[in-house]
Amino acid sequence: MRTAPRDAWVQTFDANEDVDKVLYLLEELPPAQREVLVMAEEGIPDKEIAAIIGKKEATVRSTLRHAREKVTNALNLKRPGRR
């Protein structure tokens, strides 16, 4: 079972990141992306998220990747292992 790289993504945030900006960005995500991102950050496995929302695991991973990319790009953060 492949799980989302939660720790690597969360570690990209500065400890002093503006919480209001992050909350605003979450509100701006499409509902499906926001739902999947919130569940993943709560530690719910991809397989369980898929069962909850009635989608395939691959769809959950893709949705999560897109959500993380949108938030990361909006915050101008570099992902680990990327230039």
C-alpha atoms as a PDB file:
ATOM      1  CA  MET A   1       0.000   0.000   0.000  1.00  0.00           C
ATOM      2  CA  ARG A   2       1.381   3.366  -1.032  1.00  0.00           C
ATOM      3  CA  THR A   3       0.778   6.231   1.354  1.00  0.00           C
ATOM      4  CA  ALA A   4       1.026   9.945   0.727  1.00  0.00           C
ATOM      5  CA  PRO A   5       4.329  11.584   1.747  1.00  0.00           C
ATOM      6  CA  ARG A   6       2.644  13.574   4.517  1.00  0.00           C
ATOM      7  CA  ASP A   7       5.740  14.190   6.615  1.00  0.00           C
ATOM      8  CA  ALA A   8       7.775  15.570   3.718  1.00  0.00           C
ATOM      9  CA  TRP A   9       4.960  17.904   2.700  1.00  0.00           C
ATOM     10  CA  VAL A  10       4.248  19.178   6.202  1.00  0.00           C
ATOM     11  CA  GLN A  11       7.957  19.764   6.857  1.00  0.00           C
ATOM     12  CA  THR A  12       8.079  22.295   4.019  1.00  0.00           C
ATOM     13  CA  PHE A  13       6.060  24.739   6.093  1.00  0.00           C
ATOM     14  CA  ASP A  14       7.976  27.288   8.110  1.00  0.00           C
ATOM     15  CA  ALA A  15       7.146  27.126  11.818  1.00  0.00           C
ATOM     16  CA  ASN A  16       6.008  30.757  11.622  1.00  0.00           C
ATOM     17  CA  GLU A  17       3.826  30.334   8.520  1.00  0.00           C
ATOM     18  CA  ASP A  18       0.833  32.615   8.446  1.00  0.00           C
ATOM     19  CA  VAL A  19      -2.027  30.406   9.627  1.00  0.00           C
ATOM     20  CA  ASP A  20      -4.661  32.723   8.164  1.00  0.00           C
ATOM     21  CA  LYS A  21      -3.101  32.389   4.718  1.00  0.00           C
ATOM     22  CA  VAL A  22      -3.082  28.597   4.949  1.00  0.00           C
ATOM     23  CA  LEU A  23      -6.717  28.547   6.069  1.00  0.00           C
ATOM     24  CA  TYR A  24      -7.654  30.881   3.223  1.00  0.00           C
ATOM     25  CA  LEU A  25      -5.880  28.623   0.730  1.00  0.00           C
ATOM     26  CA  LEU A  26      -7.702  25.579   2.076  1.00  0.00           C
ATOM     27  CA  GLU A  27     -11.016  27.379   1.627  1.00  0.00           C
ATOM     28  CA  GLU A  28     -10.041  28.196  -1.964  1.00  0.00           C
ATOM     29  CA  LEU A  29      -9.421  24.549  -2.888  1.00  0.00           C
ATOM     30  CA  PRO A  30     -12.184  22.712  -4.712  1.00  0.00           C
ATOM     31  CA  PRO A  31     -14.326  20.849  -2.137  1.00  0.00           C
ATOM     32  CA  ALA A  32     -13.087  17.391  -3.192  1.00  0.00           C
ATOM     33  CA  GLN A  33      -9.422  18.439  -2.848  1.00  0.00           C
ATOM     34  CA  ARG A  34     -10.033  20.126   0.497  1.00  0.00           C
ATOM     35  CA  GLU A  35     -11.876  17.063   1.833  1.00  0.00           C
ATOM     36  CA  VAL A  36      -9.121  14.653   0.807  1.00  0.00           C
ATOM     37  CA  LEU A  37      -6.320  16.927   2.044  1.00  0.00           C
ATOM     38  CA  VAL A  38      -7.935  17.403   5.453  1.00  0.00           C
ATOM     39  CA  MET A  39      -8.517  13.671   5.899  1.00  0.00           C
ATOM     40  CA  ALA A  40      -4.956  12.854   4.824  1.00  0.00           C
ATOM     41  CA  GLU A  41      -3.504  15.413   7.234  1.00  0.00           C
ATOM     42  CA  GLU A  42      -5.598  13.832   9.996  1.00  0.00           C
ATOM     43  CA  GLY A  43      -3.702  10.618   9.274  1.00  0.00           C
ATOM     44  CA  ILE A  44      -6.462   8.706   7.520  1.00  0.00           C
ATOM     45  CA  PRO A  45      -4.916   6.212   5.072  1.00  0.00           C
ATOM     46  CA  ASP A  46      -5.574   6.618   1.335  1.00  0.00           C
ATOM     47  CA  LYS A  47      -7.495   3.334   1.238  1.00  0.00           C
ATOM     48  CA  GLU A  48      -9.863   4.504   3.967  1.00  0.00           C
ATOM     49  CA  ILE A  49     -10.331   7.925   2.342  1.00  0.00           C
ATOM     50  CA  ALA A  50     -11.215   6.143  -0.897  1.00  0.00           C
ATOM     51  CA  ALA A  51     -13.861   4.097   0.898  1.00  0.00           C
ATOM     52  CA  ILE A  52     -15.285   7.188   2.616  1.00  0.00           C
ATOM     53  CA  ILE A  53     -15.633   9.233  -0.573  1.00  0.00           C
ATOM     54  CA  GLY A  54     -16.448   6.322  -2.873  1.00  0.00           C
ATOM     55  CA  LYS A  55     -13.462   6.748  -5.199  1.00  0.00           C
ATOM     56  CA  LYS A  56     -10.446   4.631  -6.158  1.00  0.00           C
ATOM     57  CA  GLU A  57      -7.228   4.904  -4.146  1.00  0.00           C
ATOM     58  CA  ALA A  58      -5.446   6.201  -7.241  1.00  0.00           C
ATOM     59  CA  THR A  59      -8.000   9.005  -7.474  1.00  0.00           C
ATOM     60  CA  VAL A  60      -7.407   9.879  -3.822  1.00  0.00           C
ATOM     61  CA  ARG A  61      -3.639  10.034  -4.379  1.00  0.00           C
ATOM     62  CA  SER A  62      -4.067  12.184  -7.478  1.00  0.00           C
ATOM     63  CA  THR A  63      -6.524  14.527  -5.753  1.00  0.00           C
ATOM     64  CA  LEU A  64      -4.199  14.813  -2.773  1.00  0.00           C
ATOM     65  CA  ARG A  65      -1.213  15.553  -5.006  1.00  0.00           C
ATOM     66  CA  HIS A  66      -3.109  18.306  -6.810  1.00  0.00           C
ATOM     67  CA  ALA A  67      -4.304  19.841  -3.541  1.00  0.00           C
ATOM     68  CA  ARG A  68      -0.806  19.833  -2.052  1.00  0.00           C
ATOM     69  CA  GLU A  69       0.654  21.333  -5.218  1.00  0.00           C
ATOM     70  CA  LYS A  70      -1.884  24.170  -5.194  1.00  0.00           C
ATOM     71  CA  VAL A  71      -1.204  25.032  -1.559  1.00  0.00           C
ATOM     72  CA  THR A  72       2.551  24.635  -1.947  1.00  0.00           C
ATOM     73  CA  ASN A  73       2.643  26.802  -5.077  1.00  0.00           C
ATOM     74  CA  ALA A  74       0.455  29.464  -3.482  1.00  0.00           C
ATOM     75  CA  LEU A  75       2.815  29.625  -0.514  1.00  0.00           C
ATOM     76  CA  ASN A  76       5.852  29.602  -2.837  1.00  0.00           C
ATOM     77  CA  LEU A  77       7.305  26.598  -1.038  1.00  0.00           C
ATOM     78  CA  LYS A  78       9.812  24.229  -2.553  1.00  0.00           C
ATOM     79  CA  ARG A  79       9.076  20.558  -2.131  1.00  0.00           C
ATOM     80  CA  PRO A  80      11.900  18.351  -0.815  1.00  0.00           C
ATOM     81  CA  GLY A  81      13.918  16.818  -3.621  1.00  0.00           C
ATOM     82  CA  ARG A  82      12.806  19.421  -6.154  1.00  0.00           C
ATOM     83  CA  ARG A  83      14.704  22.405  -7.522  1.00  0.00           C
END
